[in-house]
Structure formats: C-alpha cells, structure tokens
Amino acid sequence: MTVTLVDDEGGAKPVSLFDDPKVVREVQEFVDDQAPRVFAVVQETFGPPEDLQIVAWGITTKKGVEVIGVHGGMRMGLQSAENALIFFRAGGTAIPRIFWVGGKGVE
C-alpha cells in the first residue's frame, strides 16, 4: 500500500507506509508473531554402528507443517511436527525425535 501526499503546488509525491517508524514496528511485531518455528527430525539408529543424524527439517505455521528430508526426494505437508516421526522409524530399528531450533521444546 502506498500513500500519496499532494503538496501545495499540486504535485504528487508518493510516500511509503514504511517511512513511518510506528508502522514498521507494528509490521515487525506481526511478522514475529506469524513466524514459523523450525525443527529437525533427529533419528537414532541402533547398530552396529549406533548413530544420531538429522534426517529432515521442518517448519510450522499457523496452518500446518512442512517437512523436507535432508537426502532429497521427500517433502510432506502434515498437521503437526510429531506426525513426521511416523515416517522415520525405519521399520522399528530407529527412534526419531523432534528438536526445535533454539531449544524451545515441544509445542
């Protein structure tokens, strides 16, 4: 959105809403509130060898979750981060777990 100011001489000068620090603060608060949370799916496999590895990354939004496998070829839209765990059990020989970036814990 752009606001147009008209000067006394009849000329129009476009002015951006982002020139107003109050608008910028309000937009930043809105963006911060809506920002997705990022998580990793970490898989523990039993050996030999025992191993821990990140097998996928995901983001949550207010409308759902997107998960992308690190080895390519896999992308999922899910209702919750925990639903991604079903796909990384490797036939029962692995234990997957969600780790939130920044250590925010489980939702």
PDB file of N, CA and C in Angstrom:
ATOM      1  N   MET A   1       0.850  -1.167   0.000  1.00  0.00           N
ATOM      2  CA  MET A   1       0.000   0.000   0.000  1.00  0.00           C
ATOM      3  C   MET A   1       0.896   1.230   0.000  1.00  0.00           C
ATOM      4  N   THR A   2       0.529   2.228  -0.743  1.00  0.00           N
ATOM      5  CA  THR A   2       1.282   3.470  -0.806  1.00  0.00           C
ATOM      6  C   THR A   2       0.337   4.628  -0.554  1.00  0.00           C
ATOM      7  N   VAL A   3       0.803   5.590   0.209  1.00  0.00           N
ATOM      8  CA  VAL A   3       0.038   6.807   0.466  1.00  0.00           C
ATOM      9  C   VAL A   3       0.618   7.892  -0.432  1.00  0.00           C
ATOM     10  N   THR A   4      -0.223   8.692  -1.042  1.00  0.00           N
ATOM     11  CA  THR A   4       0.252   9.779  -1.882  1.00  0.00           C
ATOM     12  C   THR A   4      -0.087  11.100  -1.213  1.00  0.00           C
ATOM     13  N   LEU A   5       0.941  11.895  -0.999  1.00  0.00           N
ATOM     14  CA  LEU A   5       0.742  13.223  -0.438  1.00  0.00           C
ATOM     15  C   LEU A   5       0.738  14.234  -1.582  1.00  0.00           C
ATOM     16  N   VAL A   6      -0.142  15.200  -1.484  1.00  0.00           N
ATOM     17  CA  VAL A   6      -0.212  16.244  -2.506  1.00  0.00           C
ATOM     18  C   VAL A   6       0.296  17.528  -1.874  1.00  0.00           C
ATOM     19  N   ASP A   7       1.303  18.132  -2.502  1.00  0.00           N
ATOM     20  CA  ASP A   7       1.825  19.376  -1.938  1.00  0.00           C
ATOM     21  C   ASP A   7       0.980  20.562  -2.413  1.00  0.00           C
ATOM     22  N   ASP A   8       1.284  21.731  -1.895  1.00  0.00           N
ATOM     23  CA  ASP A   8       0.523  22.939  -2.219  1.00  0.00           C
ATOM     24  C   ASP A   8       0.584  23.305  -3.698  1.00  0.00           C
ATOM     25  N   GLU A   9       1.612  22.848  -4.377  1.00  0.00           N
ATOM     26  CA  GLU A   9       1.762  23.211  -5.776  1.00  0.00           C
ATOM     27  C   GLU A   9       1.046  22.229  -6.691  1.00  0.00           C
ATOM     28  N   GLY A  10       0.324  21.271  -6.138  1.00  0.00           N
ATOM     29  CA  GLY A  10      -0.458  20.342  -6.931  1.00  0.00           C
ATOM     30  C   GLY A  10       0.316  19.133  -7.416  1.00  0.00           C
ATOM     31  N   GLY A  11       1.564  19.034  -7.048  1.00  0.00           N
ATOM     32  CA  GLY A  11       2.359  17.874  -7.451  1.00  0.00           C
ATOM     33  C   GLY A  11       2.138  16.730  -6.475  1.00  0.00           C
ATOM     34  N   ALA A  12       2.209  15.532  -6.976  1.00  0.00           N
ATOM     35  CA  ALA A  12       2.014  14.354  -6.128  1.00  0.00           C
ATOM     36  C   ALA A  12       3.374  13.752  -5.803  1.00  0.00           C
ATOM     37  N   LYS A  13       3.540  13.378  -4.564  1.00  0.00           N
ATOM     38  CA  LYS A  13       4.775  12.750  -4.126  1.00  0.00           C
ATOM     39  C   LYS A  13       4.395  11.471  -3.385  1.00  0.00           C
ATOM     40  N   PRO A  14       4.724  10.281  -3.951  1.00  0.00           N
ATOM     41  CA  PRO A  14       4.380   9.037  -3.254  1.00  0.00           C
ATOM     42  C   PRO A  14       5.208   8.879  -1.987  1.00  0.00           C
ATOM     43  N   VAL A  15       4.542   8.429  -0.946  1.00  0.00           N
ATOM     44  CA  VAL A  15       5.193   8.215   0.337  1.00  0.00           C
ATOM     45  C   VAL A  15       4.875   6.787   0.775  1.00  0.00           C
ATOM     46  N   SER A  16       5.892   6.056   1.150  1.00  0.00           N
ATOM     47  CA  SER A  16       5.715   4.677   1.595  1.00  0.00           C
ATOM     48  C   SER A  16       5.251   4.648   3.045  1.00  0.00           C
ATOM     49  N   LEU A  17       4.388   3.693   3.359  1.00  0.00           N
ATOM     50  CA  LEU A  17       3.993   3.497   4.752  1.00  0.00           C
ATOM     51  C   LEU A  17       5.190   3.096   5.607  1.00  0.00           C
ATOM     52  N   PHE A  18       6.208   2.517   4.987  1.00  0.00           N
ATOM     53  CA  PHE A  18       7.392   2.102   5.726  1.00  0.00           C
ATOM     54  C   PHE A  18       8.253   3.287   6.161  1.00  0.00           C
ATOM     55  N   ASP A  19       7.894   4.482   5.740  1.00  0.00           N
ATOM     56  CA  ASP A  19       8.594   5.675   6.228  1.00  0.00           C
ATOM     57  C   ASP A  19       8.163   6.024   7.651  1.00  0.00           C
ATOM     58  N   ASP A  20       7.076   5.441   8.110  1.00  0.00           N
ATOM     59  CA  ASP A  20       6.553   5.703   9.454  1.00  0.00           C
ATOM     60  C   ASP A  20       7.099   4.646  10.418  1.00  0.00           C
ATOM     61  N   PRO A  21       7.935   5.032  11.392  1.00  0.00           N
ATOM     62  CA  PRO A  21       8.512   4.065  12.334  1.00  0.00           C
ATOM     63  C   PRO A  21       7.455   3.269  13.112  1.00  0.00           C
ATOM     64  N   LYS A  22       6.307   3.871  13.380  1.00  0.00           N
ATOM     65  CA  LYS A  22       5.240   3.154  14.091  1.00  0.00           C
ATOM     66  C   LYS A  22       4.714   2.001  13.234  1.00  0.00           C
ATOM     67  N   VAL A  23       4.527   2.255  11.948  1.00  0.00           N
ATOM     68  CA  VAL A  23       4.061   1.210  11.031  1.00  0.00           C
ATOM     69  C   VAL A  23       5.105   0.095  10.967  1.00  0.00           C
ATOM     70  N   VAL A  24       6.357   0.457  10.865  1.00  0.00           N
ATOM     71  CA  VAL A  24       7.432  -0.533  10.795  1.00  0.00           C
ATOM     72  C   VAL A  24       7.435  -1.403  12.052  1.00  0.00           C
ATOM     73  N   ARG A  25       7.282  -0.796  13.228  1.00  0.00           N
ATOM     74  CA  ARG A  25       7.223  -1.568  14.489  1.00  0.00           C
ATOM     75  C   ARG A  25       6.038  -2.530  14.491  1.00  0.00           C
ATOM     76  N   GLU A  26       4.874  -2.051  14.062  1.00  0.00           N
ATOM     77  CA  GLU A  26       3.677  -2.892  14.046  1.00  0.00           C
ATOM     78  C   GLU A  26       3.821  -4.050  13.063  1.00  0.00           C
ATOM     79  N   VAL A  27       4.392  -3.779  11.905  1.00  0.00           N
ATOM     80  CA  VAL A  27       4.613  -4.851  10.924  1.00  0.00           C
ATOM     81  C   VAL A  27       5.608  -5.862  11.482  1.00  0.00           C
ATOM     82  N   GLN A  28       6.678  -5.387  12.138  1.00  0.00           N
ATOM     83  CA  GLN A  28       7.669  -6.300  12.710  1.00  0.00           C
ATOM     84  C   GLN A  28       7.035  -7.187  13.776  1.00  0.00           C
ATOM     85  N   GLU A  29       6.198  -6.628  14.626  1.00  0.00           N
ATOM     86  CA  GLU A  29       5.508  -7.428  15.642  1.00  0.00           C
ATOM     87  C   GLU A  29       4.610  -8.478  14.987  1.00  0.00           C
ATOM     88  N   PHE A  30       3.919  -8.100  13.927  1.00  0.00           N
ATOM     89  CA  PHE A  30       3.052  -9.029  13.201  1.00  0.00           C
ATOM     90  C   PHE A  30       3.879 -10.164  12.594  1.00  0.00           C
ATOM     91  N   VAL A  31       4.984  -9.819  11.952  1.00  0.00           N
ATOM     92  CA  VAL A  31       5.853 -10.832  11.347  1.00  0.00           C
ATOM     93  C   VAL A  31       6.411 -11.757  12.422  1.00  0.00           C
ATOM     94  N   ASP A  32       6.882 -11.206  13.533  1.00  0.00           N
ATOM     95  CA  ASP A  32       7.415 -12.030  14.617  1.00  0.00           C
ATOM     96  C   ASP A  32       6.364 -12.995  15.155  1.00  0.00           C
ATOM     97  N   ASP A  33       5.126 -12.513  15.265  1.00  0.00           N
ATOM     98  CA  ASP A  33       4.044 -13.354  15.768  1.00  0.00           C
ATOM     99  C   ASP A  33       3.688 -14.475  14.800  1.00  0.00           C
ATOM    100  N   GLN A  34       3.802 -14.221  13.509  1.00  0.00           N
ATOM    101  CA  GLN A  34       3.425 -15.193  12.490  1.00  0.00           C
ATOM    102  C   GLN A  34       4.576 -16.085  12.031  1.00  0.00           C
ATOM    103  N   ALA A  35       5.791 -15.799  12.491  1.00  0.00           N
ATOM    104  CA  ALA A  35       6.971 -16.522  12.001  1.00  0.00           C
ATOM    105  C   ALA A  35       6.866 -18.019  12.277  1.00  0.00           C
ATOM    106  N   PRO A  36       7.262 -18.823  11.300  1.00  0.00           N
ATOM    107  CA  PRO A  36       7.245 -20.277  11.520  1.00  0.00           C
ATOM    108  C   PRO A  36       8.342 -20.681  12.491  1.00  0.00           C
ATOM    109  N   ARG A  37       8.109 -21.776  13.169  1.00  0.00           N
ATOM    110  CA  ARG A  37       9.135 -22.379  14.026  1.00  0.00           C
ATOM    111  C   ARG A  37       9.836 -23.457  13.211  1.00  0.00           C
ATOM    112  N   VAL A  38      11.124 -23.588  13.422  1.00  0.00           N
ATOM    113  CA  VAL A  38      11.922 -24.546  12.672  1.00  0.00           C
ATOM    114  C   VAL A  38      12.315 -25.695  13.595  1.00  0.00           C
ATOM    115  N   PHE A  39      12.267 -26.918  13.040  1.00  0.00           N
ATOM    116  CA  PHE A  39      12.668 -28.083  13.821  1.00  0.00           C
ATOM    117  C   PHE A  39      13.436 -29.065  12.953  1.00  0.00           C
ATOM    118  N   ALA A  40      14.153 -29.944  13.626  1.00  0.00           N
ATOM    119  CA  ALA A  40      14.854 -31.040  12.956  1.00  0.00           C
ATOM    120  C   ALA A  40      14.263 -32.350  13.443  1.00  0.00           C
ATOM    121  N   VAL A  41      14.214 -33.333  12.552  1.00  0.00           N
ATOM    122  CA  VAL A  41      13.895 -34.700  12.955  1.00  0.00           C
ATOM    123  C   VAL A  41      15.244 -35.406  13.070  1.00  0.00           C
ATOM    124  N   VAL A  42      15.587 -35.796  14.296  1.00  0.00           N
ATOM    125  CA  VAL A  42      16.849 -36.482  14.558  1.00  0.00           C
ATOM    126  C   VAL A  42      16.532 -37.953  14.791  1.00  0.00           C
ATOM    127  N   GLN A  43      17.242 -38.794  14.069  1.00  0.00           N
ATOM    128  CA  GLN A  43      16.980 -40.232  14.112  1.00  0.00           C
ATOM    129  C   GLN A  43      18.149 -40.944  14.802  1.00  0.00           C
ATOM    130  N   GLU A  44      17.807 -41.753  15.777  1.00  0.00           N
ATOM    131  CA  GLU A  44      18.798 -42.609  16.430  1.00  0.00           C
ATOM    132  C   GLU A  44      18.655 -44.005  15.836  1.00  0.00           C
ATOM    133  N   THR A  45      19.741 -44.537  15.320  1.00  0.00           N
ATOM    134  CA  THR A  45      19.712 -45.892  14.794  1.00  0.00           C
ATOM    135  C   THR A  45      20.564 -46.779  15.687  1.00  0.00           C
ATOM    136  N   PHE A  46      20.171 -48.041  15.744  1.00  0.00           N
ATOM    137  CA  PHE A  46      20.870 -48.990  16.594  1.00  0.00           C
ATOM    138  C   PHE A  46      21.780 -49.840  15.729  1.00  0.00           C
ATOM    139  N   GLY A  47      22.917 -50.148  16.245  1.00  0.00           N
ATOM    140  CA  GLY A  47      23.999 -50.689  15.460  1.00  0.00           C
ATOM    141  C   GLY A  47      23.997 -52.174  15.260  1.00  0.00           C
ATOM    142  N   PRO A  48      25.162 -52.546  14.922  1.00  0.00           N
ATOM    143  CA  PRO A  48      26.257 -51.570  14.803  1.00  0.00           C
ATOM    144  C   PRO A  48      26.193 -50.830  13.479  1.00  0.00           C
ATOM    145  N   PRO A  49      26.655 -49.629  13.382  1.00  0.00           N
ATOM    146  CA  PRO A  49      27.017 -48.737  14.484  1.00  0.00           C
ATOM    147  C   PRO A  49      25.797 -47.969  14.980  1.00  0.00           C
ATOM    148  N   GLU A  50      25.845 -47.547  16.223  1.00  0.00           N
ATOM    149  CA  GLU A  50      24.809 -46.659  16.737  1.00  0.00           C
ATOM    150  C   GLU A  50      25.086 -45.283  16.144  1.00  0.00           C
ATOM    151  N   ASP A  51      24.010 -44.568  15.864  1.00  0.00           N
ATOM    152  CA  ASP A  51      24.215 -43.297  15.179  1.00  0.00           C
ATOM    153  C   ASP A  51      23.079 -42.341  15.484  1.00  0.00           C
ATOM    154  N   LEU A  52      23.380 -41.053  15.472  1.00  0.00           N
ATOM    155  CA  LEU A  52      22.386 -39.986  15.527  1.00  0.00           C
ATOM    156  C   LEU A  52      22.585 -39.135  14.290  1.00  0.00           C
ATOM    157  N   GLN A  53      21.502 -38.857  13.584  1.00  0.00           N
ATOM    158  CA  GLN A  53      21.626 -37.995  12.414  1.00  0.00           C
ATOM    159  C   GLN A  53      20.342 -37.224  12.181  1.00  0.00           C
ATOM    160  N   ILE A  54      20.506 -36.032  11.625  1.00  0.00           N
ATOM    161  CA  ILE A  54      19.342 -35.245  11.211  1.00  0.00           C
ATOM    162  C   ILE A  54      18.871 -35.834   9.887  1.00  0.00           C
ATOM    163  N   VAL A  55      17.618 -36.253   9.846  1.00  0.00           N
ATOM    164  CA  VAL A  55      17.070 -36.856   8.631  1.00  0.00           C
ATOM    165  C   VAL A  55      16.085 -35.944   7.909  1.00  0.00           C
ATOM    166  N   ALA A  56      15.621 -34.893   8.598  1.00  0.00           N
ATOM    167  CA  ALA A  56      14.678 -33.969   7.964  1.00  0.00           C
ATOM    168  C   ALA A  56      14.659 -32.648   8.726  1.00  0.00           C
ATOM    169  N   TRP A  57      14.237 -31.622   8.007  1.00  0.00           N
ATOM    170  CA  TRP A  57      13.981 -30.309   8.600  1.00  0.00           C
ATOM    171  C   TRP A  57      12.522 -29.972   8.359  1.00  0.00           C
ATOM    172  N   GLY A  58      11.960 -29.218   9.294  1.00  0.00           N
ATOM    173  CA  GLY A  58      10.572 -28.821   9.132  1.00  0.00           C
ATOM    174  C   GLY A  58      10.308 -27.426   9.640  1.00  0.00           C
ATOM    175  N   ILE A  59       9.199 -26.864   9.179  1.00  0.00           N
ATOM    176  CA  ILE A  59       8.730 -25.584   9.699  1.00  0.00           C
ATOM    177  C   ILE A  59       7.244 -25.707  10.022  1.00  0.00           C
ATOM    178  N   THR A  60       6.850 -25.034  11.079  1.00  0.00           N
ATOM    179  CA  THR A  60       5.444 -24.995  11.448  1.00  0.00           C
ATOM    180  C   THR A  60       4.904 -23.599  11.167  1.00  0.00           C
ATOM    181  N   THR A  61       3.680 -23.563  10.709  1.00  0.00           N
ATOM    182  CA  THR A  61       2.972 -22.300  10.539  1.00  0.00           C
ATOM    183  C   THR A  61       1.628 -22.442  11.248  1.00  0.00           C
ATOM    184  N   LYS A  62       0.869 -21.415  11.232  1.00  0.00           N
ATOM    185  CA  LYS A  62      -0.456 -21.474  11.854  1.00  0.00           C
ATOM    186  C   LYS A  62      -1.376 -22.448  11.119  1.00  0.00           C
ATOM    187  N   LYS A  63      -1.038 -22.804   9.882  1.00  0.00           N
ATOM    188  CA  LYS A  63      -1.902 -23.666   9.070  1.00  0.00           C
ATOM    189  C   LYS A  63      -1.398 -25.087   8.905  1.00  0.00           C
ATOM    190  N   GLY A  64      -0.212 -25.395   9.399  1.00  0.00           N
ATOM    191  CA  GLY A  64       0.286 -26.751   9.242  1.00  0.00           C
ATOM    192  C   GLY A  64       1.790 -26.833   9.322  1.00  0.00           C
ATOM    193  N   VAL A  65       2.317 -27.945   8.829  1.00  0.00           N
ATOM    194  CA  VAL A  65       3.741 -28.246   8.937  1.00  0.00           C
ATOM    195  C   VAL A  65       4.252 -28.706   7.572  1.00  0.00           C
ATOM    196  N   GLU A  66       5.434 -28.256   7.206  1.00  0.00           N
ATOM    197  CA  GLU A  66       6.123 -28.723   6.005  1.00  0.00           C
ATOM    198  C   GLU A  66       7.412 -29.393   6.460  1.00  0.00           C
ATOM    199  N   VAL A  67       7.682 -30.577   5.921  1.00  0.00           N
ATOM    200  CA  VAL A  67       8.877 -31.336   6.281  1.00  0.00           C
ATOM    201  C   VAL A  67       9.607 -31.717   4.994  1.00  0.00           C
ATOM    202  N   ILE A  68      10.928 -31.532   5.004  1.00  0.00           N
ATOM    203  CA  ILE A  68      11.754 -31.861   3.847  1.00  0.00           C
ATOM    204  C   ILE A  68      12.894 -32.762   4.309  1.00  0.00           C
ATOM    205  N   GLY A  69      13.027 -33.920   3.681  1.00  0.00           N
ATOM    206  CA  GLY A  69      14.106 -34.839   4.011  1.00  0.00           C
ATOM    207  C   GLY A  69      15.448 -34.286   3.571  1.00  0.00           C
ATOM    208  N   VAL A  70      16.498 -34.537   4.362  1.00  0.00           N
ATOM    209  CA  VAL A  70      17.809 -33.990   4.028  1.00  0.00           C
ATOM    210  C   VAL A  70      18.464 -34.707   2.858  1.00  0.00           C
ATOM    211  N   HIS A  71      18.030 -35.897   2.547  1.00  0.00           N
ATOM    212  CA  HIS A  71      18.641 -36.646   1.456  1.00  0.00           C
ATOM    213  C   HIS A  71      17.900 -36.436   0.140  1.00  0.00           C
ATOM    214  N   GLY A  72      16.972 -35.510   0.126  1.00  0.00           N
ATOM    215  CA  GLY A  72      16.261 -35.170  -1.101  1.00  0.00           C
ATOM    216  C   GLY A  72      15.144 -36.145  -1.422  1.00  0.00           C
ATOM    217  N   GLY A  73      14.257 -35.697  -2.269  1.00  0.00           N
ATOM    218  CA  GLY A  73      13.199 -36.559  -2.759  1.00  0.00           C
ATOM    219  C   GLY A  73      11.988 -36.702  -1.859  1.00  0.00           C
ATOM    220  N   MET A  74      12.036 -36.176  -0.648  1.00  0.00           N
ATOM    221  CA  MET A  74      10.885 -36.320   0.236  1.00  0.00           C
ATOM    222  C   MET A  74      10.460 -34.960   0.771  1.00  0.00           C
ATOM    223  N   ARG A  75       9.187 -34.679   0.570  1.00  0.00           N
ATOM    224  CA  ARG A  75       8.582 -33.452   1.087  1.00  0.00           C
ATOM    225  C   ARG A  75       7.173 -33.801   1.527  1.00  0.00           C
ATOM    226  N   MET A  76       6.803 -33.363   2.729  1.00  0.00           N
ATOM    227  CA  MET A  76       5.482 -33.702   3.267  1.00  0.00           C
ATOM    228  C   MET A  76       4.802 -32.473   3.840  1.00  0.00           C
ATOM    229  N   GLY A  77       3.506 -32.417   3.675  1.00  0.00           N
ATOM    230  CA  GLY A  77       2.670 -31.455   4.371  1.00  0.00           C
ATOM    231  C   GLY A  77       1.881 -32.225   5.421  1.00  0.00           C
ATOM    232  N   LEU A  78       2.029 -31.829   6.686  1.00  0.00           N
ATOM    233  CA  LEU A  78       1.405 -32.564   7.789  1.00  0.00           C
ATOM    234  C   LEU A  78       0.640 -31.610   8.700  1.00  0.00           C
ATOM    235  N   GLN A  79      -0.118 -32.197   9.624  1.00  0.00           N
ATOM    236  CA  GLN A  79      -0.874 -31.377  10.566  1.00  0.00           C
ATOM    237  C   GLN A  79      -0.064 -31.004  11.797  1.00  0.00           C
ATOM    238  N   SER A  80       0.945 -31.806  12.140  1.00  0.00           N
ATOM    239  CA  SER A  80       1.779 -31.493  13.303  1.00  0.00           C
ATOM    240  C   SER A  80       3.190 -32.015  13.072  1.00  0.00           C
ATOM    241  N   ALA A  81       4.140 -31.443  13.778  1.00  0.00           N
ATOM    242  CA  ALA A  81       5.530 -31.898  13.681  1.00  0.00           C
ATOM    243  C   ALA A  81       5.645 -33.350  14.127  1.00  0.00           C
ATOM    244  N   GLU A  82       4.927 -33.721  15.147  1.00  0.00           N
ATOM    245  CA  GLU A  82       5.003 -35.083  15.680  1.00  0.00           C
ATOM    246  C   GLU A  82       4.563 -36.125  14.655  1.00  0.00           C
ATOM    247  N   ASN A  83       3.683 -35.754  13.734  1.00  0.00           N
ATOM    248  CA  ASN A  83       3.259 -36.692  12.697  1.00  0.00           C
ATOM    249  C   ASN A  83       4.407 -37.111  11.792  1.00  0.00           C
ATOM    250  N   ALA A  84       5.436 -36.295  11.694  1.00  0.00           N
ATOM    251  CA  ALA A  84       6.591 -36.632  10.853  1.00  0.00           C
ATOM    252  C   ALA A  84       7.342 -37.839  11.411  1.00  0.00           C
ATOM    253  N   LEU A  85       7.243 -38.071  12.700  1.00  0.00           N
ATOM    254  CA  LEU A  85       8.006 -39.158  13.318  1.00  0.00           C
ATOM    255  C   LEU A  85       7.639 -40.523  12.746  1.00  0.00           C
ATOM    256  N   ILE A  86       6.408 -40.682  12.331  1.00  0.00           N
ATOM    257  CA  ILE A  86       5.934 -41.960  11.783  1.00  0.00           C
ATOM    258  C   ILE A  86       6.786 -42.387  10.587  1.00  0.00           C
ATOM    259  N   PHE A  87       7.234 -41.433   9.806  1.00  0.00           N
ATOM    260  CA  PHE A  87       7.948 -41.729   8.568  1.00  0.00           C
ATOM    261  C   PHE A  87       9.440 -42.010   8.763  1.00  0.00           C
ATOM    262  N   PHE A  88       9.929 -41.851   9.994  1.00  0.00           N
ATOM    263  CA  PHE A  88      11.361 -42.015  10.234  1.00  0.00           C
ATOM    264  C   PHE A  88      11.674 -43.094  11.266  1.00  0.00           C
ATOM    265  N   ARG A  89      10.799 -44.057  11.414  1.00  0.00           N
ATOM    266  CA  ARG A  89      11.039 -45.153  12.351  1.00  0.00           C
ATOM    267  C   ARG A  89      11.879 -46.272  11.730  1.00  0.00           C
ATOM    268  N   ALA A  90      12.059 -46.267  10.436  1.00  0.00           N
ATOM    269  CA  ALA A  90      12.892 -47.237   9.706  1.00  0.00           C
ATOM    270  C   ALA A  90      12.561 -48.669  10.097  1.00  0.00           C
ATOM    271  N   GLY A  91      11.300 -49.015   9.999  1.00  0.00           N
ATOM    272  CA  GLY A  91      10.884 -50.385  10.290  1.00  0.00           C
ATOM    273  C   GLY A  91      11.074 -50.785  11.732  1.00  0.00           C
ATOM    274  N   GLY A  92      11.071 -49.821  12.628  1.00  0.00           N
ATOM    275  CA  GLY A  92      11.216 -50.113  14.048  1.00  0.00           C
ATOM    276  C   GLY A  92      12.658 -50.212  14.512  1.00  0.00           C
ATOM    277  N   THR A  93      13.620 -49.992  13.622  1.00  0.00           N
ATOM    278  CA  THR A  93      15.027 -50.076  14.021  1.00  0.00           C
ATOM    279  C   THR A  93      15.621 -48.710  14.331  1.00  0.00           C
ATOM    280  N   ALA A  94      14.799 -47.684  14.318  1.00  0.00           N
ATOM    281  CA  ALA A  94      15.286 -46.330  14.609  1.00  0.00           C
ATOM    282  C   ALA A  94      14.278 -45.613  15.492  1.00  0.00           C
ATOM    283  N   ILE A  95      14.784 -44.689  16.280  1.00  0.00           N
ATOM    284  CA  ILE A  95      13.921 -43.844  17.107  1.00  0.00           C
ATOM    285  C   ILE A  95      14.097 -42.404  16.639  1.00  0.00           C
ATOM    286  N   PRO A  96      13.052 -41.804  16.053  1.00  0.00           N
ATOM    287  CA  PRO A  96      13.132 -40.405  15.649  1.00  0.00           C
ATOM    288  C   PRO A  96      12.618 -39.497  16.770  1.00  0.00           C
ATOM    289  N   ARG A  97      13.149 -38.294  16.797  1.00  0.00           N
ATOM    290  CA  ARG A  97      12.715 -37.331  17.810  1.00  0.00           C
ATOM    291  C   ARG A  97      12.769 -35.931  17.212  1.00  0.00           C
ATOM    292  N   ILE A  98      11.868 -35.065  17.650  1.00  0.00           N
ATOM    293  CA  ILE A  98      11.815 -33.683  17.206  1.00  0.00           C
ATOM    294  C   ILE A  98      12.706 -32.832  18.114  1.00  0.00           C
ATOM    295  N   PHE A  99      13.540 -32.001  17.487  1.00  0.00           N
ATOM    296  CA  PHE A  99      14.329 -30.996  18.214  1.00  0.00           C
ATOM    297  C   PHE A  99      14.036 -29.648  17.606  1.00  0.00           C
ATOM    298  N   TRP A 100      13.587 -28.702  18.443  1.00  0.00           N
ATOM    299  CA  TRP A 100      13.235 -27.366  17.970  1.00  0.00           C
ATOM    300  C   TRP A 100      14.474 -26.501  17.928  1.00  0.00           C
ATOM    301  N   VAL A 101      14.660 -25.783  16.838  1.00  0.00           N
ATOM    302  CA  VAL A 101      15.783 -24.845  16.720  1.00  0.00           C
ATOM    303  C   VAL A 101      15.632 -23.798  17.814  1.00  0.00           C
ATOM    304  N   GLY A 102      16.687 -23.554  18.530  1.00  0.00           N
ATOM    305  CA  GLY A 102      16.649 -22.597  19.632  1.00  0.00           C
ATOM    306  C   GLY A 102      16.240 -23.223  20.940  1.00  0.00           C
ATOM    307  N   GLY A 103      15.989 -24.533  20.944  1.00  0.00           N
ATOM    308  CA  GLY A 103      15.673 -25.236  22.180  1.00  0.00           C
ATOM    309  C   GLY A 103      14.360 -24.830  22.824  1.00  0.00           C
ATOM    310  N   LYS A 104      13.370 -24.507  22.028  1.00  0.00           N
ATOM    311  CA  LYS A 104      12.087 -24.074  22.585  1.00  0.00           C
ATOM    312  C   LYS A 104      11.243 -25.218  23.113  1.00  0.00           C
ATOM    313  N   GLY A 105      11.664 -26.432  22.886  1.00  0.00           N
ATOM    314  CA  GLY A 105      10.928 -27.586  23.410  1.00  0.00           C
ATOM    315  C   GLY A 105       9.734 -27.950  22.568  1.00  0.00           C
ATOM    316  N   VAL A 106       8.954 -28.848  23.095  1.00  0.00           N
ATOM    317  CA  VAL A 106       7.777 -29.350  22.393  1.00  0.00           C
ATOM    318  C   VAL A 106       6.645 -28.356  22.518  1.00  0.00           C
ATOM    319  N   GLU A 107       5.849 -28.245  21.448  1.00  0.00           N
ATOM    320  CA  GLU A 107       4.695 -27.329  21.473  1.00  0.00           C
ATOM    321  C   GLU A 107       3.670 -27.788  22.471  1.00  0.00           C
TER     322      GLU A 107
END
